[in-house]
Amino acid sequence: MNQAGETLEATRLQDAVEAIAITPEAATKLVDGYRATFKSKFGRQPESLEDKHRIAAQIIGRYSKISAAVGAVTAVPSVVPGFGTAVAVLGGGAAQLAAALKLQIDMCMCLVEVYESELTSEDK
């Protein structure tokens, strides 16, 4: 494939992922929920680095479970011999790729919010 074709495919993938990825505002709202849960459990705001690590571990656990569920769902068609295997390889692979990218981006956006870091507009 030529350079223009590869660039076009990369742009399409990036556009698709950007369309389904979490917004910074939604990541803030999600992390605020974890902060509220932390405050109700421990009676204080999560200020120390250790507190932030606890919240980050919960976020990572959440996205790990979602990713495992998506992987299981995309593998289900493969139990049907022949046609199911083809569907799982072609359709499931594309769905898994899009879902994995979305989940990784969402998790990273939430972790950036937990640690109160800033992203450049290019990184966002």
PDB file of N, CA and C in Angstrom:
ATOM      1  N   MET A   1       0.845  -1.171   0.000  1.00  0.00           N
ATOM      2  CA  MET A   1       0.000   0.000   0.000  1.00  0.00           C
ATOM      3  C   MET A   1       0.888   1.231   0.000  1.00  0.00           C
ATOM      4  N   ASN A   2       0.463   2.266  -0.681  1.00  0.00           N
ATOM      5  CA  ASN A   2       1.276   3.471  -0.769  1.00  0.00           C
ATOM      6  C   ASN A   2       1.093   4.353   0.466  1.00  0.00           C
ATOM      7  N   GLN A   3       1.918   5.385   0.541  1.00  0.00           N
ATOM      8  CA  GLN A   3       1.897   6.278   1.702  1.00  0.00           C
ATOM      9  C   GLN A   3       0.553   6.981   1.854  1.00  0.00           C
ATOM     10  N   ALA A   4      -0.037   7.436   0.741  1.00  0.00           N
ATOM     11  CA  ALA A   4      -1.320   8.133   0.800  1.00  0.00           C
ATOM     12  C   ALA A   4      -2.429   7.215   1.319  1.00  0.00           C
ATOM     13  N   GLY A   5      -2.417   5.962   0.881  1.00  0.00           N
ATOM     14  CA  GLY A   5      -3.412   4.998   1.346  1.00  0.00           C
ATOM     15  C   GLY A   5      -3.289   4.705   2.830  1.00  0.00           C
ATOM     16  N   GLU A   6      -2.061   4.580   3.300  1.00  0.00           N
ATOM     17  CA  GLU A   6      -1.832   4.329   4.723  1.00  0.00           C
ATOM     18  C   GLU A   6      -2.254   5.533   5.557  1.00  0.00           C
ATOM     19  N   THR A   7      -1.977   6.737   5.065  1.00  0.00           N
ATOM     20  CA  THR A   7      -2.369   7.945   5.779  1.00  0.00           C
ATOM     21  C   THR A   7      -3.885   8.063   5.831  1.00  0.00           C
ATOM     22  N   LEU A   8      -4.561   7.736   4.740  1.00  0.00           N
ATOM     23  CA  LEU A   8      -6.013   7.790   4.692  1.00  0.00           C
ATOM     24  C   LEU A   8      -6.621   6.815   5.689  1.00  0.00           C
ATOM     25  N   GLU A   9      -6.092   5.603   5.764  1.00  0.00           N
ATOM     26  CA  GLU A   9      -6.585   4.621   6.718  1.00  0.00           C
ATOM     27  C   GLU A   9      -6.354   5.079   8.145  1.00  0.00           C
ATOM     28  N   ALA A  10      -5.177   5.636   8.437  1.00  0.00           N
ATOM     29  CA  ALA A  10      -4.884   6.136   9.775  1.00  0.00           C
ATOM     30  C   ALA A  10      -5.826   7.271  10.150  1.00  0.00           C
ATOM     31  N   THR A  11      -6.130   8.137   9.203  1.00  0.00           N
ATOM     32  CA  THR A  11      -7.045   9.248   9.456  1.00  0.00           C
ATOM     33  C   THR A  11      -8.450   8.734   9.731  1.00  0.00           C
ATOM     34  N   ARG A  12      -8.896   7.750   8.976  1.00  0.00           N
ATOM     35  CA  ARG A  12     -10.220   7.172   9.199  1.00  0.00           C
ATOM     36  C   ARG A  12     -10.311   6.534  10.577  1.00  0.00           C
ATOM     37  N   LEU A  13      -9.287   5.785  10.949  1.00  0.00           N
ATOM     38  CA  LEU A  13      -9.277   5.154  12.269  1.00  0.00           C
ATOM     39  C   LEU A  13      -9.279   6.205  13.365  1.00  0.00           C
ATOM     40  N   GLN A  14      -8.461   7.243  13.200  1.00  0.00           N
ATOM     41  CA  GLN A  14      -8.410   8.313  14.198  1.00  0.00           C
ATOM     42  C   GLN A  14      -9.761   9.010  14.308  1.00  0.00           C
ATOM     43  N   ASP A  15     -10.398   9.300  13.196  1.00  0.00           N
ATOM     44  CA  ASP A  15     -11.712   9.943  13.205  1.00  0.00           C
ATOM     45  C   ASP A  15     -12.749   9.073  13.899  1.00  0.00           C
ATOM     46  N   ALA A  16     -12.703   7.774  13.624  1.00  0.00           N
ATOM     47  CA  ALA A  16     -13.660   6.853  14.247  1.00  0.00           C
ATOM     48  C   ALA A  16     -13.465   6.791  15.754  1.00  0.00           C
ATOM     49  N   VAL A  17     -12.219   6.719  16.184  1.00  0.00           N
ATOM     50  CA  VAL A  17     -11.942   6.639  17.618  1.00  0.00           C
ATOM     51  C   VAL A  17     -12.317   7.947  18.307  1.00  0.00           C
ATOM     52  N   GLU A  18     -12.001   9.079  17.680  1.00  0.00           N
ATOM     53  CA  GLU A  18     -12.355  10.373  18.260  1.00  0.00           C
ATOM     54  C   GLU A  18     -13.864  10.517  18.409  1.00  0.00           C
ATOM     55  N   ALA A  19     -14.608   9.933  17.486  1.00  0.00           N
ATOM     56  CA  ALA A  19     -16.065  10.026  17.534  1.00  0.00           C
ATOM     57  C   ALA A  19     -16.651   9.270  18.723  1.00  0.00           C
ATOM     58  N   ILE A  20     -15.993   8.193  19.147  1.00  0.00           N
ATOM     59  CA  ILE A  20     -16.553   7.383  20.231  1.00  0.00           C
ATOM     60  C   ILE A  20     -15.810   7.542  21.556  1.00  0.00           C
ATOM     61  N   ALA A  21     -14.688   8.249  21.572  1.00  0.00           N
ATOM     62  CA  ALA A  21     -13.899   8.387  22.799  1.00  0.00           C
ATOM     63  C   ALA A  21     -14.571   9.354  23.772  1.00  0.00           C
ATOM     64  N   ILE A  22     -14.224   9.218  25.016  1.00  0.00           N
ATOM     65  CA  ILE A  22     -14.770  10.040  26.082  1.00  0.00           C
ATOM     66  C   ILE A  22     -14.268  11.477  25.940  1.00  0.00           C
ATOM     67  N   THR A  23     -15.109  12.413  26.310  1.00  0.00           N
ATOM     68  CA  THR A  23     -14.697  13.819  26.289  1.00  0.00           C
ATOM     69  C   THR A  23     -14.009  14.145  27.606  1.00  0.00           C
ATOM     70  N   PRO A  24     -13.173  15.169  27.636  1.00  0.00           N
ATOM     71  CA  PRO A  24     -12.553  15.561  28.909  1.00  0.00           C
ATOM     72  C   PRO A  24     -13.590  15.875  29.990  1.00  0.00           C
ATOM     73  N   GLU A  25     -14.708  16.460  29.594  1.00  0.00           N
ATOM     74  CA  GLU A  25     -15.752  16.780  30.569  1.00  0.00           C
ATOM     75  C   GLU A  25     -16.373  15.508  31.150  1.00  0.00           C
ATOM     76  N   ALA A  26     -16.610  14.521  30.301  1.00  0.00           N
ATOM     77  CA  ALA A  26     -17.176  13.256  30.773  1.00  0.00           C
ATOM     78  C   ALA A  26     -16.183  12.525  31.673  1.00  0.00           C
ATOM     79  N   ALA A  27     -14.895  12.610  31.346  1.00  0.00           N
ATOM     80  CA  ALA A  27     -13.872  11.988  32.198  1.00  0.00           C
ATOM     81  C   ALA A  27     -13.854  12.663  33.568  1.00  0.00           C
ATOM     82  N   THR A  28     -13.982  13.984  33.586  1.00  0.00           N
ATOM     83  CA  THR A  28     -14.017  14.719  34.853  1.00  0.00           C
ATOM     84  C   THR A  28     -15.212  14.281  35.689  1.00  0.00           C
ATOM     85  N   LYS A  29     -16.366  14.144  35.046  1.00  0.00           N
ATOM     86  CA  LYS A  29     -17.573  13.726  35.762  1.00  0.00           C
ATOM     87  C   LYS A  29     -17.413  12.316  36.337  1.00  0.00           C
ATOM     88  N   LEU A  30     -16.847  11.410  35.556  1.00  0.00           N
ATOM     89  CA  LEU A  30     -16.638  10.040  36.021  1.00  0.00           C
ATOM     90  C   LEU A  30     -15.682  10.001  37.210  1.00  0.00           C
ATOM     91  N   VAL A  31     -14.578  10.732  37.099  1.00  0.00           N
ATOM     92  CA  VAL A  31     -13.588  10.750  38.182  1.00  0.00           C
ATOM     93  C   VAL A  31     -14.163  11.434  39.421  1.00  0.00           C
ATOM     94  N   ASP A  32     -14.990  12.452  39.232  1.00  0.00           N
ATOM     95  CA  ASP A  32     -15.631  13.096  40.383  1.00  0.00           C
ATOM     96  C   ASP A  32     -16.484  12.099  41.159  1.00  0.00           C
ATOM     97  N   GLY A  33     -17.104  11.173  40.453  1.00  0.00           N
ATOM     98  CA  GLY A  33     -17.863  10.120  41.123  1.00  0.00           C
ATOM     99  C   GLY A  33     -16.958   9.232  41.977  1.00  0.00           C
ATOM    100  N   TYR A  34     -15.790   8.895  41.458  1.00  0.00           N
ATOM    101  CA  TYR A  34     -14.837   8.105  42.246  1.00  0.00           C
ATOM    102  C   TYR A  34     -14.333   8.908  43.451  1.00  0.00           C
ATOM    103  N   ARG A  35     -14.114  10.196  43.254  1.00  0.00           N
ATOM    104  CA  ARG A  35     -13.684  11.050  44.371  1.00  0.00           C
ATOM    105  C   ARG A  35     -14.761  11.127  45.452  1.00  0.00           C
ATOM    106  N   ALA A  36     -16.008  11.241  45.048  1.00  0.00           N
ATOM    107  CA  ALA A  36     -17.116  11.296  46.004  1.00  0.00           C
ATOM    108  C   ALA A  36     -17.218   9.987  46.779  1.00  0.00           C
ATOM    109  N   THR A  37     -17.051   8.873  46.078  1.00  0.00           N
ATOM    110  CA  THR A  37     -17.070   7.563  46.752  1.00  0.00           C
ATOM    111  C   THR A  37     -15.926   7.466  47.750  1.00  0.00           C
ATOM    112  N   PHE A  38     -14.752   7.945  47.355  1.00  0.00           N
ATOM    113  CA  PHE A  38     -13.600   7.932  48.248  1.00  0.00           C
ATOM    114  C   PHE A  38     -13.891   8.770  49.490  1.00  0.00           C
ATOM    115  N   LYS A  39     -14.466   9.965  49.273  1.00  0.00           N
ATOM    116  CA  LYS A  39     -14.756  10.861  50.401  1.00  0.00           C
ATOM    117  C   LYS A  39     -15.774  10.236  51.349  1.00  0.00           C
ATOM    118  N   SER A  40     -16.799   9.582  50.805  1.00  0.00           N
ATOM    119  CA  SER A  40     -17.797   8.962  51.676  1.00  0.00           C
ATOM    120  C   SER A  40     -17.219   7.763  52.435  1.00  0.00           C
ATOM    121  N   LYS A  41     -16.261   7.091  51.842  1.00  0.00           N
ATOM    122  CA  LYS A  41     -15.663   5.915  52.483  1.00  0.00           C
ATOM    123  C   LYS A  41     -14.629   6.305  53.535  1.00  0.00           C
ATOM    124  N   PHE A  42     -13.796   7.319  53.223  1.00  0.00           N
ATOM    125  CA  PHE A  42     -12.696   7.673  54.119  1.00  0.00           C
ATOM    126  C   PHE A  42     -12.916   8.987  54.870  1.00  0.00           C
ATOM    127  N   GLY A  43     -13.961   9.741  54.522  1.00  0.00           N
ATOM    128  CA  GLY A  43     -14.275  10.974  55.229  1.00  0.00           C
ATOM    129  C   GLY A  43     -13.360  12.145  54.902  1.00  0.00           C
ATOM    130  N   ARG A  44     -12.661  12.076  53.806  1.00  0.00           N
ATOM    131  CA  ARG A  44     -11.776  13.176  53.408  1.00  0.00           C
ATOM    132  C   ARG A  44     -11.592  13.152  51.899  1.00  0.00           C
ATOM    133  N   GLN A  45     -11.115  14.272  51.379  1.00  0.00           N
ATOM    134  CA  GLN A  45     -10.842  14.365  49.950  1.00  0.00           C
ATOM    135  C   GLN A  45      -9.575  13.570  49.607  1.00  0.00           C
ATOM    136  N   PRO A  46      -9.515  12.966  48.424  1.00  0.00           N
ATOM    137  CA  PRO A  46      -8.302  12.247  48.016  1.00  0.00           C
ATOM    138  C   PRO A  46      -7.214  13.232  47.576  1.00  0.00           C
ATOM    139  N   GLU A  47      -6.344  13.593  48.503  1.00  0.00           N
ATOM    140  CA  GLU A  47      -5.331  14.592  48.199  1.00  0.00           C
ATOM    141  C   GLU A  47      -3.929  14.014  48.027  1.00  0.00           C
ATOM    142  N   SER A  48      -3.605  12.986  48.785  1.00  0.00           N
ATOM    143  CA  SER A  48      -2.248  12.447  48.717  1.00  0.00           C
ATOM    144  C   SER A  48      -2.075  11.595  47.459  1.00  0.00           C
ATOM    145  N   LEU A  49      -0.841  11.352  47.122  1.00  0.00           N
ATOM    146  CA  LEU A  49      -0.542  10.524  45.962  1.00  0.00           C
ATOM    147  C   LEU A  49      -1.064   9.105  46.160  1.00  0.00           C
ATOM    148  N   GLU A  50      -0.994   8.605  47.381  1.00  0.00           N
ATOM    149  CA  GLU A  50      -1.517   7.267  47.671  1.00  0.00           C
ATOM    150  C   GLU A  50      -3.031   7.209  47.440  1.00  0.00           C
ATOM    151  N   ASP A  51      -3.731   8.270  47.837  1.00  0.00           N
ATOM    152  CA  ASP A  51      -5.178   8.335  47.602  1.00  0.00           C
ATOM    153  C   ASP A  51      -5.473   8.301  46.108  1.00  0.00           C
ATOM    154  N   LYS A  52      -4.716   9.054  45.353  1.00  0.00           N
ATOM    155  CA  LYS A  52      -4.910   9.088  43.909  1.00  0.00           C
ATOM    156  C   LYS A  52      -4.598   7.737  43.276  1.00  0.00           C
ATOM    157  N   HIS A  53      -3.610   7.034  43.836  1.00  0.00           N
ATOM    158  CA  HIS A  53      -3.286   5.685  43.340  1.00  0.00           C
ATOM    159  C   HIS A  53      -4.466   4.738  43.568  1.00  0.00           C
ATOM    160  N   ARG A  54      -5.148   4.881  44.707  1.00  0.00           N
ATOM    161  CA  ARG A  54      -6.310   4.029  44.977  1.00  0.00           C
ATOM    162  C   ARG A  54      -7.414   4.256  43.952  1.00  0.00           C
ATOM    163  N   ILE A  55      -7.680   5.520  43.665  1.00  0.00           N
ATOM    164  CA  ILE A  55      -8.709   5.837  42.672  1.00  0.00           C
ATOM    165  C   ILE A  55      -8.273   5.342  41.295  1.00  0.00           C
ATOM    166  N   ALA A  56      -7.002   5.538  40.957  1.00  0.00           N
ATOM    167  CA  ALA A  56      -6.491   5.073  39.669  1.00  0.00           C
ATOM    168  C   ALA A  56      -6.635   3.561  39.541  1.00  0.00           C
ATOM    169  N   ALA A  57      -6.371   2.835  40.613  1.00  0.00           N
ATOM    170  CA  ALA A  57      -6.514   1.377  40.587  1.00  0.00           C
ATOM    171  C   ALA A  57      -7.963   0.976  40.327  1.00  0.00           C
ATOM    172  N   GLN A  58      -8.912   1.714  40.889  1.00  0.00           N
ATOM    173  CA  GLN A  58     -10.326   1.423  40.639  1.00  0.00           C
ATOM    174  C   GLN A  58     -10.683   1.685  39.175  1.00  0.00           C
ATOM    175  N   ILE A  59     -10.162   2.767  38.630  1.00  0.00           N
ATOM    176  CA  ILE A  59     -10.435   3.089  37.226  1.00  0.00           C
ATOM    177  C   ILE A  59      -9.836   2.031  36.311  1.00  0.00           C
ATOM    178  N   ILE A  60      -8.604   1.643  36.584  1.00  0.00           N
ATOM    179  CA  ILE A  60      -7.946   0.615  35.774  1.00  0.00           C
ATOM    180  C   ILE A  60      -8.720  -0.703  35.867  1.00  0.00           C
ATOM    181  N   GLY A  61      -9.161  -1.052  37.066  1.00  0.00           N
ATOM    182  CA  GLY A  61      -9.959  -2.265  37.246  1.00  0.00           C
ATOM    183  C   GLY A  61     -11.257  -2.221  36.461  1.00  0.00           C
ATOM    184  N   ARG A  62     -11.906  -1.057  36.469  1.00  0.00           N
ATOM    185  CA  ARG A  62     -13.161  -0.890  35.738  1.00  0.00           C
ATOM    186  C   ARG A  62     -12.951  -1.118  34.247  1.00  0.00           C
ATOM    187  N   TYR A  63     -11.950  -0.459  33.699  1.00  0.00           N
ATOM    188  CA  TYR A  63     -11.715  -0.587  32.261  1.00  0.00           C
ATOM    189  C   TYR A  63     -11.187  -1.972  31.892  1.00  0.00           C
ATOM    190  N   SER A  64     -10.492  -2.622  32.788  1.00  0.00           N
ATOM    191  CA  SER A  64     -10.038  -3.995  32.534  1.00  0.00           C
ATOM    192  C   SER A  64     -11.219  -4.945  32.422  1.00  0.00           C
ATOM    193  N   LYS A  65     -12.189  -4.776  33.316  1.00  0.00           N
ATOM    194  CA  LYS A  65     -13.381  -5.628  33.275  1.00  0.00           C
ATOM    195  C   LYS A  65     -14.195  -5.383  32.006  1.00  0.00           C
ATOM    196  N   ILE A  66     -14.340  -4.122  31.630  1.00  0.00           N
ATOM    197  CA  ILE A  66     -15.080  -3.805  30.404  1.00  0.00           C
ATOM    198  C   ILE A  66     -14.369  -4.401  29.192  1.00  0.00           C
ATOM    199  N   SER A  67     -13.053  -4.275  29.159  1.00  0.00           N
ATOM    200  CA  SER A  67     -12.274  -4.805  28.040  1.00  0.00           C
ATOM    201  C   SER A  67     -12.407  -6.327  27.950  1.00  0.00           C
ATOM    202  N   ALA A  68     -12.389  -6.991  29.082  1.00  0.00           N
ATOM    203  CA  ALA A  68     -12.551  -8.444  29.082  1.00  0.00           C
ATOM    204  C   ALA A  68     -13.925  -8.839  28.563  1.00  0.00           C
ATOM    205  N   ALA A  69     -14.949  -8.092  28.951  1.00  0.00           N
ATOM    206  CA  ALA A  69     -16.305  -8.385  28.482  1.00  0.00           C
ATOM    207  C   ALA A  69     -16.414  -8.173  26.973  1.00  0.00           C
ATOM    208  N   VAL A  70     -15.823  -7.100  26.471  1.00  0.00           N
ATOM    209  CA  VAL A  70     -15.848  -6.842  25.023  1.00  0.00           C
ATOM    210  C   VAL A  70     -15.125  -7.957  24.278  1.00  0.00           C
ATOM    211  N   GLY A  71     -14.000  -8.396  24.799  1.00  0.00           N
ATOM    212  CA  GLY A  71     -13.268  -9.497  24.170  1.00  0.00           C
ATOM    213  C   GLY A  71     -14.087 -10.780  24.122  1.00  0.00           C
ATOM    214  N   ALA A  72     -14.800 -11.048  25.200  1.00  0.00           N
ATOM    215  CA  ALA A  72     -15.631 -12.252  25.233  1.00  0.00           C
ATOM    216  C   ALA A  72     -16.779 -12.157  24.227  1.00  0.00           C
ATOM    217  N   VAL A  73     -17.395 -10.987  24.149  1.00  0.00           N
ATOM    218  CA  VAL A  73     -18.513 -10.809  23.221  1.00  0.00           C
ATOM    219  C   VAL A  73     -18.060 -10.921  21.767  1.00  0.00           C
ATOM    220  N   THR A  74     -16.919 -10.334  21.451  1.00  0.00           N
ATOM    221  CA  THR A  74     -16.445 -10.404  20.062  1.00  0.00           C
ATOM    222  C   THR A  74     -15.978 -11.808  19.690  1.00  0.00           C
ATOM    223  N   ALA A  75     -15.700 -12.640  20.661  1.00  0.00           N
ATOM    224  CA  ALA A  75     -15.262 -14.009  20.376  1.00  0.00           C
ATOM    225  C   ALA A  75     -16.428 -14.984  20.253  1.00  0.00           C
ATOM    226  N   VAL A  76     -17.619 -14.601  20.686  1.00  0.00           N
ATOM    227  CA  VAL A  76     -18.765 -15.507  20.691  1.00  0.00           C
ATOM    228  C   VAL A  76     -19.065 -16.112  19.313  1.00  0.00           C
ATOM    229  N   PRO A  77     -19.046 -15.334  18.222  1.00  0.00           N
ATOM    230  CA  PRO A  77     -19.363 -15.948  16.921  1.00  0.00           C
ATOM    231  C   PRO A  77     -18.408 -17.081  16.525  1.00  0.00           C
ATOM    232  N   SER A  78     -17.226 -17.104  17.072  1.00  0.00           N
ATOM    233  CA  SER A  78     -16.256 -18.123  16.678  1.00  0.00           C
ATOM    234  C   SER A  78     -16.645 -19.529  17.134  1.00  0.00           C
ATOM    235  N   VAL A  79     -17.653 -19.669  17.980  1.00  0.00           N
ATOM    236  CA  VAL A  79     -18.080 -21.005  18.402  1.00  0.00           C
ATOM    237  C   VAL A  79     -18.817 -21.738  17.282  1.00  0.00           C
ATOM    238  N   VAL A  80     -19.290 -20.992  16.273  1.00  0.00           N
ATOM    239  CA  VAL A  80     -19.944 -21.613  15.127  1.00  0.00           C
ATOM    240  C   VAL A  80     -18.849 -21.944  14.113  1.00  0.00           C
ATOM    241  N   PRO A  81     -18.666 -23.208  13.807  1.00  0.00           N
ATOM    242  CA  PRO A  81     -17.605 -23.591  12.866  1.00  0.00           C
ATOM    243  C   PRO A  81     -17.802 -22.964  11.482  1.00  0.00           C
ATOM    244  N   GLY A  82     -16.707 -22.649  10.848  1.00  0.00           N
ATOM    245  CA  GLY A  82     -16.754 -22.123   9.481  1.00  0.00           C
ATOM    246  C   GLY A  82     -17.160 -20.668   9.424  1.00  0.00           C
ATOM    247  N   PHE A  83     -18.447 -20.422   9.188  1.00  0.00           N
ATOM    248  CA  PHE A  83     -18.961 -19.063   9.037  1.00  0.00           C
ATOM    249  C   PHE A  83     -18.704 -18.222  10.295  1.00  0.00           C
ATOM    250  N   GLY A  84     -18.949 -18.782  11.436  1.00  0.00           N
ATOM    251  CA  GLY A  84     -18.745 -18.053  12.696  1.00  0.00           C
ATOM    252  C   GLY A  84     -17.301 -17.664  12.896  1.00  0.00           C
ATOM    253  N   THR A  85     -16.403 -18.548  12.519  1.00  0.00           N
ATOM    254  CA  THR A  85     -14.978 -18.241  12.637  1.00  0.00           C
ATOM    255  C   THR A  85     -14.603 -17.081  11.732  1.00  0.00           C
ATOM    256  N   ALA A  86     -15.126 -17.080  10.508  1.00  0.00           N
ATOM    257  CA  ALA A  86     -14.845 -15.985   9.574  1.00  0.00           C
ATOM    258  C   ALA A  86     -15.395 -14.666  10.103  1.00  0.00           C
ATOM    259  N   VAL A  87     -16.602 -14.688  10.642  1.00  0.00           N
ATOM    260  CA  VAL A  87     -17.209 -13.482  11.205  1.00  0.00           C
ATOM    261  C   VAL A  87     -16.380 -12.980  12.387  1.00  0.00           C
ATOM    262  N   ALA A  88     -15.940 -13.894  13.245  1.00  0.00           N
ATOM    263  CA  ALA A  88     -15.159 -13.505  14.414  1.00  0.00           C
ATOM    264  C   ALA A  88     -13.823 -12.893  14.010  1.00  0.00           C
ATOM    265  N   VAL A  89     -13.202 -13.475  12.995  1.00  0.00           N
ATOM    266  CA  VAL A  89     -11.903 -12.971  12.555  1.00  0.00           C
ATOM    267  C   VAL A  89     -12.040 -11.602  11.909  1.00  0.00           C
ATOM    268  N   LEU A  90     -12.979 -11.453  11.009  1.00  0.00           N
ATOM    269  CA  LEU A  90     -13.122 -10.206  10.264  1.00  0.00           C
ATOM    270  C   LEU A  90     -13.867  -9.143  11.070  1.00  0.00           C
ATOM    271  N   GLY A  91     -15.101  -9.411  11.412  1.00  0.00           N
ATOM    272  CA  GLY A  91     -15.905  -8.429  12.137  1.00  0.00           C
ATOM    273  C   GLY A  91     -15.469  -8.249  13.574  1.00  0.00           C
ATOM    274  N   GLY A  92     -15.186  -9.355  14.224  1.00  0.00           N
ATOM    275  CA  GLY A  92     -14.771  -9.290  15.626  1.00  0.00           C
ATOM    276  C   GLY A  92     -13.448  -8.583  15.805  1.00  0.00           C
ATOM    277  N   GLY A  93     -12.537  -8.799  14.866  1.00  0.00           N
ATOM    278  CA  GLY A  93     -11.233  -8.135  14.951  1.00  0.00           C
ATOM    279  C   GLY A  93     -11.350  -6.634  14.829  1.00  0.00           C
ATOM    280  N   ALA A  94     -12.173  -6.187  13.889  1.00  0.00           N
ATOM    281  CA  ALA A  94     -12.368  -4.741  13.709  1.00  0.00           C
ATOM    282  C   ALA A  94     -13.074  -4.144  14.917  1.00  0.00           C
ATOM    283  N   ALA A  95     -14.088  -4.830  15.420  1.00  0.00           N
ATOM    284  CA  ALA A  95     -14.813  -4.335  16.591  1.00  0.00           C
ATOM    285  C   ALA A  95     -13.894  -4.306  17.821  1.00  0.00           C
ATOM    286  N   GLN A  96     -13.095  -5.346  17.969  1.00  0.00           N
ATOM    287  CA  GLN A  96     -12.174  -5.401  19.102  1.00  0.00           C
ATOM    288  C   GLN A  96     -11.140  -4.290  19.029  1.00  0.00           C
ATOM    289  N   LEU A  97     -10.636  -4.006  17.839  1.00  0.00           N
ATOM    290  CA  LEU A  97      -9.659  -2.933  17.670  1.00  0.00           C
ATOM    291  C   LEU A  97     -10.258  -1.587  18.063  1.00  0.00           C
ATOM    292  N   ALA A  98     -11.438  -1.283  17.556  1.00  0.00           N
ATOM    293  CA  ALA A  98     -12.093  -0.017  17.881  1.00  0.00           C
ATOM    294  C   ALA A  98     -12.403   0.077  19.375  1.00  0.00           C
ATOM    295  N   ALA A  99     -12.907  -1.002  19.947  1.00  0.00           N
ATOM    296  CA  ALA A  99     -13.241  -0.991  21.371  1.00  0.00           C
ATOM    297  C   ALA A  99     -11.991  -0.855  22.236  1.00  0.00           C
ATOM    298  N   ALA A 100     -10.930  -1.551  21.870  1.00  0.00           N
ATOM    299  CA  ALA A 100      -9.693  -1.466  22.651  1.00  0.00           C
ATOM    300  C   ALA A 100      -9.119  -0.059  22.626  1.00  0.00           C
ATOM    301  N   LEU A 101      -9.121   0.553  21.456  1.00  0.00           N
ATOM    302  CA  LEU A 101      -8.621   1.933  21.362  1.00  0.00           C
ATOM    303  C   LEU A 101      -9.487   2.878  22.183  1.00  0.00           C
ATOM    304  N   LYS A 102     -10.798   2.740  22.085  1.00  0.00           N
ATOM    305  CA  LYS A 102     -11.698   3.598  22.843  1.00  0.00           C
ATOM    306  C   LYS A 102     -11.472   3.438  24.338  1.00  0.00           C
ATOM    307  N   LEU A 103     -11.413   2.204  24.803  1.00  0.00           N
ATOM    308  CA  LEU A 103     -11.253   1.966  26.238  1.00  0.00           C
ATOM    309  C   LEU A 103      -9.918   2.476  26.754  1.00  0.00           C
ATOM    310  N   GLN A 104      -8.865   2.301  25.967  1.00  0.00           N
ATOM    311  CA  GLN A 104      -7.555   2.797  26.392  1.00  0.00           C
ATOM    312  C   GLN A 104      -7.537   4.315  26.465  1.00  0.00           C
ATOM    313  N   ILE A 105      -8.132   4.959  25.476  1.00  0.00           N
ATOM    314  CA  ILE A 105      -8.189   6.421  25.489  1.00  0.00           C
ATOM    315  C   ILE A 105      -9.027   6.909  26.663  1.00  0.00           C
ATOM    316  N   ASP A 106     -10.180   6.284  26.883  1.00  0.00           N
ATOM    317  CA  ASP A 106     -11.037   6.679  27.997  1.00  0.00           C
ATOM    318  C   ASP A 106     -10.318   6.524  29.327  1.00  0.00           C
ATOM    319  N   MET A 107      -9.644   5.404  29.499  1.00  0.00           N
ATOM    320  CA  MET A 107      -8.933   5.163  30.745  1.00  0.00           C
ATOM    321  C   MET A 107      -7.830   6.194  30.944  1.00  0.00           C
ATOM    322  N   CYS A 108      -7.097   6.487  29.893  1.00  0.00           N
ATOM    323  CA  CYS A 108      -6.018   7.486  29.997  1.00  0.00           C
ATOM    324  C   CYS A 108      -6.566   8.862  30.331  1.00  0.00           C
ATOM    325  N   MET A 109      -7.685   9.229  29.718  1.00  0.00           N
ATOM    326  CA  MET A 109      -8.287  10.531  30.021  1.00  0.00           C
ATOM    327  C   MET A 109      -8.715  10.604  31.485  1.00  0.00           C
ATOM    328  N   CYS A 110      -9.249   9.517  32.010  1.00  0.00           N
ATOM    329  CA  CYS A 110      -9.650   9.480  33.420  1.00  0.00           C
ATOM    330  C   CYS A 110      -8.427   9.546  34.335  1.00  0.00           C
ATOM    331  N   LEU A 111      -7.365   8.847  33.974  1.00  0.00           N
ATOM    332  CA  LEU A 111      -6.153   8.878  34.800  1.00  0.00           C
ATOM    333  C   LEU A 111      -5.507  10.260  34.792  1.00  0.00           C
ATOM    334  N   VAL A 112      -5.560  10.937  33.658  1.00  0.00           N
ATOM    335  CA  VAL A 112      -5.052  12.313  33.594  1.00  0.00           C
ATOM    336  C   VAL A 112      -5.852  13.179  34.558  1.00  0.00           C
ATOM    337  N   GLU A 113      -7.151  12.961  34.601  1.00  0.00           N
ATOM    338  CA  GLU A 113      -8.005  13.740  35.509  1.00  0.00           C
ATOM    339  C   GLU A 113      -7.710  13.395  36.970  1.00  0.00           C
ATOM    340  N   VAL A 114      -7.491  12.132  37.277  1.00  0.00           N
ATOM    341  CA  VAL A 114      -7.195  11.728  38.654  1.00  0.00           C
ATOM    342  C   VAL A 114      -5.941  12.434  39.161  1.00  0.00           C
ATOM    343  N   TYR A 115      -4.916  12.428  38.334  1.00  0.00           N
ATOM    344  CA  TYR A 115      -3.641  13.010  38.756  1.00  0.00           C
ATOM    345  C   TYR A 115      -3.555  14.502  38.446  1.00  0.00           C
ATOM    346  N   GLU A 116      -4.686  15.062  37.986  1.00  0.00           N
ATOM    347  CA  GLU A 116      -4.801  16.497  37.740  1.00  0.00           C
ATOM    348  C   GLU A 116      -3.673  17.021  36.847  1.00  0.00           C
ATOM    349  N   SER A 117      -3.426  16.276  35.804  1.00  0.00           N
ATOM    350  CA  SER A 117      -2.413  16.668  34.828  1.00  0.00           C
ATOM    351  C   SER A 117      -3.104  17.388  33.672  1.00  0.00           C
ATOM    352  N   GLU A 118      -2.320  18.064  32.892  1.00  0.00           N
ATOM    353  CA  GLU A 118      -2.843  18.754  31.721  1.00  0.00           C
ATOM    354  C   GLU A 118      -2.347  18.049  30.465  1.00  0.00           C
ATOM    355  N   LEU A 119      -3.206  17.986  29.481  1.00  0.00           N
ATOM    356  CA  LEU A 119      -2.834  17.459  28.176  1.00  0.00           C
ATOM    357  C   LEU A 119      -2.817  18.599  27.187  1.00  0.00           C
ATOM    358  N   THR A 120      -1.878  18.541  26.270  1.00  0.00           N
ATOM    359  CA  THR A 120      -1.892  19.523  25.199  1.00  0.00           C
ATOM    360  C   THR A 120      -3.061  19.205  24.276  1.00  0.00           C
ATOM    361  N   SER A 121      -3.470  20.156  23.481  1.00  0.00           N
ATOM    362  CA  SER A 121      -4.607  19.898  22.583  1.00  0.00           C
ATOM    363  C   SER A 121      -4.265  18.795  21.590  1.00  0.00           C
ATOM    364  N   GLU A 122      -3.001  18.670  21.213  1.00  0.00           N
ATOM    365  CA  GLU A 122      -2.591  17.598  20.309  1.00  0.00           C
ATOM    366  C   GLU A 122      -2.735  16.233  20.986  1.00  0.00           C
ATOM    367  N   ASP A 123      -2.360  16.144  22.261  1.00  0.00           N
ATOM    368  CA  ASP A 123      -2.493  14.888  22.988  1.00  0.00           C
ATOM    369  C   ASP A 123      -3.956  14.524  23.190  1.00  0.00           C
ATOM    370  N   LYS A 124      -4.808  15.525  23.425  1.00  0.00           N
ATOM    371  CA  LYS A 124      -6.239  15.252  23.586  1.00  0.00           C
ATOM    372  C   LYS A 124      -6.803  14.709  22.292  1.00  0.00           C
TER     373      LYS A 124
END
